[in-house]
Amino acid sequence: MAPSTKQPAQKPAVKSPAIPGGTDTGCRAYGDKGTSIDSKGRRYTKIDCTTKLPIG
C-alpha cells in the first residue's frame, strides 16, 4: 500500500524566513482551509506569532 500524501489538518506555526529583497512573511499555520498558498503549493493561514491567532 502506498504511503499517504495527504497533509495533516494543521501543522504547528512556522516562522518563515525573510524573503531576500522583500519583507518578512510572518508566522503561518498550514492546513487544508488556509487562505494563502506558499511557493510549494501548500495552503496556510497568516497568524500572529505571539497569540497564534489568524491575521486579517
PDB file of N, CA and C in Angstrom:
ATOM      1  N   MET A   1       0.842  -1.173   0.000  1.00  0.00           N
ATOM      2  CA  MET A   1       0.000   0.000   0.000  1.00  0.00           C
ATOM      3  C   MET A   1       0.895   1.246   0.000  1.00  0.00           C
ATOM      4  N   ALA A   2       0.580   2.208  -0.835  1.00  0.00           N
ATOM      5  CA  ALA A   2       1.385   3.424  -0.962  1.00  0.00           C
ATOM      6  C   ALA A   2       1.185   4.321   0.252  1.00  0.00           C
ATOM      7  N   PRO A   3       2.267   5.026   0.677  1.00  0.00           N
ATOM      8  CA  PRO A   3       2.109   5.950   1.802  1.00  0.00           C
ATOM      9  C   PRO A   3       1.170   7.092   1.444  1.00  0.00           C
ATOM     10  N   SER A   4       0.468   7.573   2.441  1.00  0.00           N
ATOM     11  CA  SER A   4      -0.483   8.659   2.235  1.00  0.00           C
ATOM     12  C   SER A   4       0.254   9.961   1.947  1.00  0.00           C
ATOM     13  N   THR A   5      -0.236  10.728   0.978  1.00  0.00           N
ATOM     14  CA  THR A   5       0.374  12.020   0.652  1.00  0.00           C
ATOM     15  C   THR A   5      -0.456  13.172   1.182  1.00  0.00           C
ATOM     16  N   LYS A   6      -1.561  12.882   1.852  1.00  0.00           N
ATOM     17  CA  LYS A   6      -2.415  13.935   2.397  1.00  0.00           C
ATOM     18  C   LYS A   6      -1.759  14.554   3.631  1.00  0.00           C
ATOM     19  N   GLN A   7      -1.779  15.867   3.692  1.00  0.00           N
ATOM     20  CA  GLN A   7      -1.194  16.576   4.821  1.00  0.00           C
ATOM     21  C   GLN A   7      -2.137  16.543   6.008  1.00  0.00           C
ATOM     22  N   PRO A   8      -1.569  16.599   7.235  1.00  0.00           N
ATOM     23  CA  PRO A   8      -2.434  16.670   8.418  1.00  0.00           C
ATOM     24  C   PRO A   8      -3.302  17.923   8.362  1.00  0.00           C
ATOM     25  N   ALA A   9      -4.379  17.940   9.118  1.00  0.00           N
ATOM     26  CA  ALA A   9      -5.317  19.064   9.107  1.00  0.00           C
ATOM     27  C   ALA A   9      -4.624  20.384   9.421  1.00  0.00           C
ATOM     28  N   GLN A  10      -3.684  20.373  10.366  1.00  0.00           N
ATOM     29  CA  GLN A  10      -2.989  21.618  10.687  1.00  0.00           C
ATOM     30  C   GLN A  10      -1.632  21.298  11.283  1.00  0.00           C
ATOM     31  N   LYS A  11      -0.615  21.971  10.787  1.00  0.00           N
ATOM     32  CA  LYS A  11       0.735  21.830  11.314  1.00  0.00           C
ATOM     33  C   LYS A  11       0.991  22.975  12.280  1.00  0.00           C
ATOM     34  N   PRO A  12       1.970  22.818  13.157  1.00  0.00           N
ATOM     35  CA  PRO A  12       2.300  23.921  14.065  1.00  0.00           C
ATOM     36  C   PRO A  12       2.735  25.156  13.282  1.00  0.00           C
ATOM     37  N   ALA A  13       2.593  26.305  13.888  1.00  0.00           N
ATOM     38  CA  ALA A  13       3.007  27.555  13.252  1.00  0.00           C
ATOM     39  C   ALA A  13       4.497  27.506  12.952  1.00  0.00           C
ATOM     40  N   VAL A  14       4.864  28.052  11.807  1.00  0.00           N
ATOM     41  CA  VAL A  14       6.257  28.076  11.386  1.00  0.00           C
ATOM     42  C   VAL A  14       6.651  29.512  11.105  1.00  0.00           C
ATOM     43  N   LYS A  15       7.759  29.937  11.647  1.00  0.00           N
ATOM     44  CA  LYS A  15       8.269  31.280  11.359  1.00  0.00           C
ATOM     45  C   LYS A  15       8.965  31.203  10.014  1.00  0.00           C
ATOM     46  N   SER A  16       8.451  31.921   9.039  1.00  0.00           N
ATOM     47  CA  SER A  16       9.015  31.917   7.699  1.00  0.00           C
ATOM     48  C   SER A  16      10.243  32.813   7.636  1.00  0.00           C
ATOM     49  N   PRO A  17      11.241  32.411   6.868  1.00  0.00           N
ATOM     50  CA  PRO A  17      12.418  33.268   6.733  1.00  0.00           C
ATOM     51  C   PRO A  17      12.087  34.522   5.932  1.00  0.00           C
ATOM     52  N   ALA A  18      12.880  35.541   6.130  1.00  0.00           N
ATOM     53  CA  ALA A  18      12.679  36.776   5.369  1.00  0.00           C
ATOM     54  C   ALA A  18      12.953  36.492   3.897  1.00  0.00           C
ATOM     55  N   ILE A  19      12.197  37.118   3.041  1.00  0.00           N
ATOM     56  CA  ILE A  19      12.387  36.962   1.604  1.00  0.00           C
ATOM     57  C   ILE A  19      13.486  37.927   1.179  1.00  0.00           C
ATOM     58  N   PRO A  20      14.532  37.424   0.495  1.00  0.00           N
ATOM     59  CA  PRO A  20      15.603  38.328   0.063  1.00  0.00           C
ATOM     60  C   PRO A  20      15.045  39.479  -0.763  1.00  0.00           C
ATOM     61  N   GLY A  21      15.390  40.700  -0.387  1.00  0.00           N
ATOM     62  CA  GLY A  21      14.916  41.868  -1.114  1.00  0.00           C
ATOM     63  C   GLY A  21      13.469  42.211  -0.826  1.00  0.00           C
ATOM     64  N   GLY A  22      12.839  41.493   0.085  1.00  0.00           N
ATOM     65  CA  GLY A  22      11.427  41.741   0.387  1.00  0.00           C
ATOM     66  C   GLY A  22      11.240  41.944   1.867  1.00  0.00           C
ATOM     67  N   THR A  23      10.060  41.571   2.342  1.00  0.00           N
ATOM     68  CA  THR A  23       9.774  41.717   3.761  1.00  0.00           C
ATOM     69  C   THR A  23       9.537  40.352   4.371  1.00  0.00           C
ATOM     70  N   ASP A  24       9.605  40.287   5.695  1.00  0.00           N
ATOM     71  CA  ASP A  24       9.350  39.052   6.415  1.00  0.00           C
ATOM     72  C   ASP A  24       7.899  38.646   6.186  1.00  0.00           C
ATOM     73  N   THR A  25       7.653  37.353   5.967  1.00  0.00           N
ATOM     74  CA  THR A  25       6.293  36.890   5.704  1.00  0.00           C
ATOM     75  C   THR A  25       5.534  36.533   6.965  1.00  0.00           C
ATOM     76  N   GLY A  26       6.168  36.580   8.138  1.00  0.00           N
ATOM     77  CA  GLY A  26       5.475  36.310   9.384  1.00  0.00           C
ATOM     78  C   GLY A  26       5.284  34.837   9.653  1.00  0.00           C
ATOM     79  N   CYS A  27       4.410  34.519  10.607  1.00  0.00           N
ATOM     80  CA  CYS A  27       4.146  33.135  11.003  1.00  0.00           C
ATOM     81  C   CYS A  27       2.994  32.571  10.174  1.00  0.00           C
ATOM     82  N   ARG A  28       2.982  31.241  10.072  1.00  0.00           N
ATOM     83  CA  ARG A  28       1.966  30.565   9.266  1.00  0.00           C
ATOM     84  C   ARG A  28       1.423  29.350   9.993  1.00  0.00           C
ATOM     85  N   ALA A  29       0.160  29.042   9.737  1.00  0.00           N
ATOM     86  CA  ALA A  29      -0.454  27.801  10.200  1.00  0.00           C
ATOM     87  C   ALA A  29      -0.906  27.068   8.944  1.00  0.00           C
ATOM     88  N   TYR A  30      -0.264  25.945   8.651  1.00  0.00           N
ATOM     89  CA  TYR A  30      -0.594  25.176   7.457  1.00  0.00           C
ATOM     90  C   TYR A  30      -1.827  24.315   7.700  1.00  0.00           C
ATOM     91  N   GLY A  31      -2.660  24.173   6.674  1.00  0.00           N
ATOM     92  CA  GLY A  31      -3.852  23.340   6.775  1.00  0.00           C
ATOM     93  C   GLY A  31      -4.714  23.466   5.537  1.00  0.00           C
ATOM     94  N   ASP A  32      -5.629  22.537   5.385  1.00  0.00           N
ATOM     95  CA  ASP A  32      -6.500  22.479   4.200  1.00  0.00           C
ATOM     96  C   ASP A  32      -7.365  23.720   4.007  1.00  0.00           C
ATOM     97  N   LYS A  33      -7.670  24.441   5.080  1.00  0.00           N
ATOM     98  CA  LYS A  33      -8.554  25.606   4.981  1.00  0.00           C
ATOM     99  C   LYS A  33      -7.780  26.911   4.951  1.00  0.00           C
ATOM    100  N   GLY A  34      -6.483  26.859   4.640  1.00  0.00           N
ATOM    101  CA  GLY A  34      -5.664  28.058   4.591  1.00  0.00           C
ATOM    102  C   GLY A  34      -6.152  29.055   3.566  1.00  0.00           C
ATOM    103  N   THR A  35      -5.867  30.323   3.815  1.00  0.00           N
ATOM    104  CA  THR A  35      -6.326  31.398   2.942  1.00  0.00           C
ATOM    105  C   THR A  35      -5.262  31.845   1.936  1.00  0.00           C
ATOM    106  N   SER A  36      -4.046  31.305   2.056  1.00  0.00           N
ATOM    107  CA  SER A  36      -2.954  31.643   1.144  1.00  0.00           C
ATOM    108  C   SER A  36      -2.272  30.360   0.692  1.00  0.00           C
ATOM    109  N   ILE A  37      -1.438  30.470  -0.331  1.00  0.00           N
ATOM    110  CA  ILE A  37      -0.705  29.318  -0.856  1.00  0.00           C
ATOM    111  C   ILE A  37       0.762  29.694  -0.958  1.00  0.00           C
ATOM    112  N   ASP A  38       1.649  28.833  -0.407  1.00  0.00           N
ATOM    113  CA  ASP A  38       3.079  29.134  -0.456  1.00  0.00           C
ATOM    114  C   ASP A  38       3.675  28.728  -1.810  1.00  0.00           C
ATOM    115  N   SER A  39       4.981  28.928  -1.962  1.00  0.00           N
ATOM    116  CA  SER A  39       5.642  28.660  -3.244  1.00  0.00           C
ATOM    117  C   SER A  39       5.663  27.177  -3.603  1.00  0.00           C
ATOM    118  N   LYS A  40       5.360  26.302  -2.641  1.00  0.00           N
ATOM    119  CA  LYS A  40       5.319  24.861  -2.897  1.00  0.00           C
ATOM    120  C   LYS A  40       3.889  24.357  -3.063  1.00  0.00           C
ATOM    121  N   GLY A  41       2.918  25.279  -3.101  1.00  0.00           N
ATOM    122  CA  GLY A  41       1.522  24.907  -3.313  1.00  0.00           C
ATOM    123  C   GLY A  41       0.779  24.470  -2.071  1.00  0.00           C
ATOM    124  N   ARG A  42       1.366  24.678  -0.891  1.00  0.00           N
ATOM    125  CA  ARG A  42       0.707  24.299   0.364  1.00  0.00           C
ATOM    126  C   ARG A  42      -0.157  25.453   0.861  1.00  0.00           C
ATOM    127  N   ARG A  43      -1.353  25.124   1.372  1.00  0.00           N
ATOM    128  CA  ARG A  43      -2.275  26.141   1.892  1.00  0.00           C
ATOM    129  C   ARG A  43      -1.891  26.488   3.324  1.00  0.00           C
ATOM    130  N   TYR A  44      -1.969  27.778   3.659  1.00  0.00           N
ATOM    131  CA  TYR A  44      -1.682  28.242   5.013  1.00  0.00           C
ATOM    132  C   TYR A  44      -2.481  29.491   5.324  1.00  0.00           C
ATOM    133  N   THR A  45      -2.592  29.786   6.616  1.00  0.00           N
ATOM    134  CA  THR A  45      -3.226  31.000   7.100  1.00  0.00           C
ATOM    135  C   THR A  45      -2.158  31.815   7.812  1.00  0.00           C
ATOM    136  N   LYS A  46      -2.119  33.119   7.551  1.00  0.00           N
ATOM    137  CA  LYS A  46      -1.181  34.008   8.236  1.00  0.00           C
ATOM    138  C   LYS A  46      -1.671  34.174   9.670  1.00  0.00           C
ATOM    139  N   ILE A  47      -0.753  34.005  10.641  1.00  0.00           N
ATOM    140  CA  ILE A  47      -1.130  34.138  12.043  1.00  0.00           C
ATOM    141  C   ILE A  47      -0.163  35.069  12.770  1.00  0.00           C
ATOM    142  N   ASP A  48      -0.636  35.619  13.877  1.00  0.00           N
ATOM    143  CA  ASP A  48       0.203  36.431  14.746  1.00  0.00           C
ATOM    144  C   ASP A  48       1.179  35.487  15.451  1.00  0.00           C
ATOM    145  N   CYS A  49       2.467  35.816  15.437  1.00  0.00           N
ATOM    146  CA  CYS A  49       3.487  34.942  16.016  1.00  0.00           C
ATOM    147  C   CYS A  49       3.356  34.786  17.531  1.00  0.00           C
ATOM    148  N   THR A  50       2.804  35.771  18.196  1.00  0.00           N
ATOM    149  CA  THR A  50       2.677  35.724  19.648  1.00  0.00           C
ATOM    150  C   THR A  50       1.400  35.051  20.092  1.00  0.00           C
ATOM    151  N   THR A  51       0.262  35.501  19.558  1.00  0.00           N
ATOM    152  CA  THR A  51      -1.028  34.970  20.001  1.00  0.00           C
ATOM    153  C   THR A  51      -1.462  33.720  19.247  1.00  0.00           C
ATOM    154  N   LYS A  52      -0.855  33.475  18.098  1.00  0.00           N
ATOM    155  CA  LYS A  52      -1.196  32.342  17.216  1.00  0.00           C
ATOM    156  C   LYS A  52      -2.592  32.457  16.630  1.00  0.00           C
ATOM    157  N   LEU A  53      -3.162  33.667  16.643  1.00  0.00           N
ATOM    158  CA  LEU A  53      -4.494  33.913  16.068  1.00  0.00           C
ATOM    159  C   LEU A  53      -4.356  34.350  14.627  1.00  0.00           C
ATOM    160  N   PRO A  54      -5.329  34.010  13.768  1.00  0.00           N
ATOM    161  CA  PRO A  54      -5.279  34.429  12.360  1.00  0.00           C
ATOM    162  C   PRO A  54      -5.216  35.938  12.216  1.00  0.00           C
ATOM    163  N   ILE A  55      -4.521  36.385  11.183  1.00  0.00           N
ATOM    164  CA  ILE A  55      -4.406  37.799  10.872  1.00  0.00           C
ATOM    165  C   ILE A  55      -5.284  38.101   9.652  1.00  0.00           C
ATOM    166  N   GLY A  56      -6.060  39.147   9.730  1.00  0.00           N
ATOM    167  CA  GLY A  56      -6.834  39.623   8.589  1.00  0.00           C
ATOM    168  C   GLY A  56      -8.009  38.819   8.343  1.00  0.00           C
TER     169      GLY A  56
END
